[in-house]
Amino acid sequence: MASITIRVEPRHADNTTCDHKVKPSGKPRDPASGCTGRTAYAVVCSEHGDVGTPHHVKQLAEPAATEHRQEHRAALATR
């Protein structure tokens, strides 16, 4: 059985992954990078893809990731 990973992924406004360096405000550090700025954080599961709706603050996305991880653990325990 393959390992399931759950991560919190930063996103741009168009829901694409943002891997650019940003200021605390979410604006890009390098204006020439083409980054539109970080606007949300999505919980992404390797098995289910995006889980729920994106959160505007990383601290709100982390508990959602933990909750989804616990759902996978509970499903394994019932097998």
N, C-alpha and C. Protein backbone atom coordinates (compact mmCIF):
# COMPACT_ATOMS: atom_id res chain seq x y z
N MET A 1 0.84 -1.18 0.00
CA MET A 1 0.00 0.00 0.00
C MET A 1 0.89 1.24 0.00
N ALA A 2 0.59 2.15 -0.86
CA ALA A 2 1.37 3.39 -0.98
C ALA A 2 1.11 4.32 0.19
N SER A 3 2.11 5.08 0.52
CA SER A 3 1.99 6.05 1.60
C SER A 3 1.14 7.24 1.16
N ILE A 4 0.29 7.70 2.04
CA ILE A 4 -0.56 8.85 1.75
C ILE A 4 0.06 10.07 2.41
N THR A 5 0.21 11.14 1.64
CA THR A 5 0.76 12.38 2.19
C THR A 5 -0.31 13.47 2.16
N ILE A 6 -0.30 14.27 3.20
CA ILE A 6 -1.23 15.39 3.31
C ILE A 6 -0.40 16.61 3.65
N ARG A 7 -0.54 17.65 2.84
CA ARG A 7 0.27 18.85 3.04
C ARG A 7 -0.58 20.10 2.89
N VAL A 8 -0.05 21.20 3.40
CA VAL A 8 -0.67 22.50 3.22
C VAL A 8 0.13 23.20 2.13
N GLU A 9 -0.56 23.61 1.08
CA GLU A 9 0.09 24.18 -0.10
C GLU A 9 -0.33 25.64 -0.31
N PRO A 10 0.63 26.56 -0.43
CA PRO A 10 0.27 27.96 -0.69
C PRO A 10 -0.25 28.11 -2.12
N ARG A 11 -1.22 29.00 -2.30
CA ARG A 11 -1.85 29.17 -3.62
C ARG A 11 -1.95 30.65 -4.01
N HIS A 12 -1.95 30.88 -5.33
CA HIS A 12 -2.24 32.19 -5.91
C HIS A 12 -3.76 32.36 -5.96
N ALA A 13 -4.22 33.52 -6.36
CA ALA A 13 -5.66 33.78 -6.47
C ALA A 13 -6.33 32.87 -7.50
N ASP A 14 -5.58 32.45 -8.54
CA ASP A 14 -6.16 31.57 -9.57
C ASP A 14 -6.04 30.09 -9.18
N ASN A 15 -5.70 29.81 -7.93
CA ASN A 15 -5.60 28.47 -7.35
C ASN A 15 -4.40 27.66 -7.83
N THR A 16 -3.40 28.30 -8.44
CA THR A 16 -2.17 27.61 -8.81
C THR A 16 -1.21 27.67 -7.62
N THR A 17 -0.30 26.71 -7.57
CA THR A 17 0.66 26.64 -6.47
C THR A 17 1.60 27.84 -6.49
N CYS A 18 1.85 28.41 -5.33
CA CYS A 18 2.77 29.54 -5.18
C CYS A 18 4.02 29.06 -4.45
N ASP A 19 5.12 28.95 -5.18
CA ASP A 19 6.37 28.54 -4.54
C ASP A 19 7.39 29.67 -4.54
N HIS A 20 6.90 30.88 -4.71
CA HIS A 20 7.76 32.06 -4.72
C HIS A 20 8.03 32.57 -3.30
N LYS A 21 9.08 33.29 -3.14
CA LYS A 21 9.34 33.95 -1.85
C LYS A 21 8.41 35.16 -1.77
N VAL A 22 7.73 35.28 -0.65
CA VAL A 22 6.78 36.37 -0.47
C VAL A 22 7.06 37.11 0.84
N LYS A 23 6.56 38.34 0.89
CA LYS A 23 6.63 39.15 2.10
C LYS A 23 5.54 38.68 3.06
N PRO A 24 5.57 39.08 4.32
CA PRO A 24 4.50 38.69 5.25
C PRO A 24 3.10 39.09 4.76
N SER A 25 3.03 40.10 3.92
CA SER A 25 1.74 40.53 3.38
C SER A 25 1.21 39.60 2.30
N GLY A 26 2.07 38.67 1.80
CA GLY A 26 1.66 37.79 0.71
C GLY A 26 2.09 38.29 -0.65
N LYS A 27 2.59 39.50 -0.71
CA LYS A 27 3.08 40.07 -1.98
C LYS A 27 4.44 39.47 -2.31
N PRO A 28 4.77 39.32 -3.59
CA PRO A 28 6.06 38.72 -3.96
C PRO A 28 7.25 39.60 -3.57
N ARG A 29 8.33 38.97 -3.13
CA ARG A 29 9.55 39.70 -2.81
C ARG A 29 10.21 40.21 -4.07
N ASP A 30 10.12 39.44 -5.15
CA ASP A 30 10.71 39.84 -6.43
C ASP A 30 9.57 40.18 -7.39
N PRO A 31 9.36 41.47 -7.66
CA PRO A 31 8.25 41.86 -8.55
C PRO A 31 8.37 41.29 -9.96
N ALA A 32 9.59 40.92 -10.37
CA ALA A 32 9.80 40.38 -11.72
C ALA A 32 9.57 38.87 -11.78
N SER A 33 9.18 38.25 -10.67
CA SER A 33 9.02 36.79 -10.63
C SER A 33 7.78 36.30 -11.36
N GLY A 34 6.84 37.18 -11.62
CA GLY A 34 5.59 36.77 -12.26
C GLY A 34 4.55 36.29 -11.26
N CYS A 35 4.89 36.32 -9.98
CA CYS A 35 3.97 35.90 -8.93
C CYS A 35 2.92 36.98 -8.71
N THR A 36 1.67 36.55 -8.61
CA THR A 36 0.58 37.50 -8.37
C THR A 36 0.34 37.71 -6.89
N GLY A 37 1.06 36.96 -6.05
CA GLY A 37 0.89 37.05 -4.61
C GLY A 37 0.18 35.84 -4.06
N ARG A 38 0.48 35.51 -2.84
CA ARG A 38 -0.11 34.36 -2.17
C ARG A 38 -1.41 34.81 -1.50
N THR A 39 -2.49 34.10 -1.80
CA THR A 39 -3.78 34.52 -1.26
C THR A 39 -4.46 33.47 -0.40
N ALA A 40 -4.03 32.20 -0.49
CA ALA A 40 -4.72 31.15 0.25
C ALA A 40 -3.79 29.96 0.48
N TYR A 41 -4.26 29.05 1.32
CA TYR A 41 -3.55 27.81 1.61
C TYR A 41 -4.53 26.66 1.47
N ALA A 42 -4.18 25.69 0.64
CA ALA A 42 -5.06 24.54 0.41
C ALA A 42 -4.50 23.30 1.09
N VAL A 43 -5.38 22.46 1.59
CA VAL A 43 -4.99 21.16 2.12
C VAL A 43 -5.05 20.20 0.94
N VAL A 44 -3.93 19.51 0.68
CA VAL A 44 -3.84 18.62 -0.48
C VAL A 44 -3.46 17.22 0.00
N CYS A 45 -4.27 16.24 -0.40
CA CYS A 45 -4.06 14.85 -0.05
C CYS A 45 -3.59 14.11 -1.30
N SER A 46 -2.59 13.24 -1.16
CA SER A 46 -2.09 12.50 -2.33
C SER A 46 -3.13 11.53 -2.88
N GLU A 47 -4.10 11.16 -2.09
CA GLU A 47 -5.14 10.25 -2.55
C GLU A 47 -6.38 10.98 -3.06
N HIS A 48 -6.78 12.08 -2.39
CA HIS A 48 -8.03 12.77 -2.72
C HIS A 48 -7.85 14.10 -3.45
N GLY A 49 -6.64 14.60 -3.56
CA GLY A 49 -6.42 15.92 -4.16
C GLY A 49 -6.77 17.01 -3.15
N ASP A 50 -7.31 18.11 -3.62
CA ASP A 50 -7.68 19.21 -2.73
C ASP A 50 -8.78 18.76 -1.77
N VAL A 51 -8.60 19.10 -0.50
CA VAL A 51 -9.56 18.72 0.54
C VAL A 51 -10.24 20.00 1.04
N GLY A 52 -11.54 20.09 0.85
CA GLY A 52 -12.26 21.28 1.30
C GLY A 52 -11.91 22.51 0.48
N THR A 53 -12.24 23.65 1.04
CA THR A 53 -11.96 24.91 0.36
C THR A 53 -10.66 25.50 0.91
N PRO A 54 -9.95 26.29 0.10
CA PRO A 54 -8.71 26.91 0.59
C PRO A 54 -8.97 27.85 1.76
N HIS A 55 -7.99 27.94 2.64
CA HIS A 55 -8.06 28.81 3.81
C HIS A 55 -7.21 30.05 3.56
N HIS A 56 -7.62 31.17 4.08
CA HIS A 56 -6.88 32.41 3.85
C HIS A 56 -5.67 32.57 4.77
N VAL A 57 -5.60 31.75 5.80
CA VAL A 57 -4.49 31.82 6.75
C VAL A 57 -3.95 30.40 6.94
N LYS A 58 -2.63 30.26 6.91
CA LYS A 58 -2.01 28.94 7.05
C LYS A 58 -2.39 28.28 8.38
N GLN A 59 -2.50 29.07 9.45
CA GLN A 59 -2.83 28.51 10.76
C GLN A 59 -4.22 27.88 10.78
N LEU A 60 -5.10 28.26 9.86
CA LEU A 60 -6.42 27.63 9.78
C LEU A 60 -6.37 26.37 8.92
N ALA A 61 -5.45 26.31 7.98
CA ALA A 61 -5.33 25.15 7.10
C ALA A 61 -4.68 23.97 7.82
N GLU A 62 -3.76 24.24 8.73
CA GLU A 62 -3.04 23.15 9.41
C GLU A 62 -3.97 22.24 10.23
N PRO A 63 -4.94 22.77 11.00
CA PRO A 63 -5.87 21.87 11.69
C PRO A 63 -6.72 21.05 10.72
N ALA A 64 -7.07 21.61 9.58
CA ALA A 64 -7.85 20.87 8.58
C ALA A 64 -7.01 19.72 8.02
N ALA A 65 -5.71 19.95 7.84
CA ALA A 65 -4.82 18.88 7.37
C ALA A 65 -4.72 17.78 8.42
N THR A 66 -4.60 18.16 9.67
CA THR A 66 -4.52 17.19 10.76
C THR A 66 -5.81 16.38 10.84
N GLU A 67 -6.95 17.04 10.69
CA GLU A 67 -8.25 16.35 10.73
C GLU A 67 -8.36 15.33 9.60
N HIS A 68 -7.93 15.71 8.40
CA HIS A 68 -7.99 14.79 7.26
C HIS A 68 -7.04 13.61 7.48
N ARG A 69 -5.88 13.87 8.04
CA ARG A 69 -4.92 12.81 8.35
C ARG A 69 -5.53 11.82 9.34
N GLN A 70 -6.25 12.34 10.34
CA GLN A 70 -6.90 11.49 11.34
C GLN A 70 -8.00 10.63 10.69
N GLU A 71 -8.68 11.17 9.68
CA GLU A 71 -9.70 10.39 8.97
C GLU A 71 -9.07 9.18 8.29
N HIS A 72 -7.89 9.38 7.69
CA HIS A 72 -7.19 8.27 7.05
C HIS A 72 -6.77 7.24 8.10
N ARG A 73 -6.27 7.70 9.23
CA ARG A 73 -5.86 6.77 10.29
C ARG A 73 -7.05 5.97 10.82
N ALA A 74 -8.19 6.63 10.98
CA ALA A 74 -9.39 5.94 11.46
C ALA A 74 -9.86 4.90 10.45
N ALA A 75 -9.77 5.23 9.17
CA ALA A 75 -10.17 4.28 8.13
C ALA A 75 -9.27 3.05 8.14
N LEU A 76 -7.99 3.24 8.39
CA LEU A 76 -7.07 2.11 8.46
C LEU A 76 -7.34 1.24 9.69
N ALA A 77 -7.74 1.87 10.77
CA ALA A 77 -8.01 1.13 12.00
C ALA A 77 -9.25 0.25 11.88
N THR A 78 -10.19 0.62 11.02
CA THR A 78 -11.43 -0.14 10.88
C THR A 78 -11.29 -1.28 9.87
N ARG A 79 -10.18 -1.35 9.21
CA ARG A 79 -10.00 -2.43 8.21
C ARG A 79 -9.68 -3.74 8.87
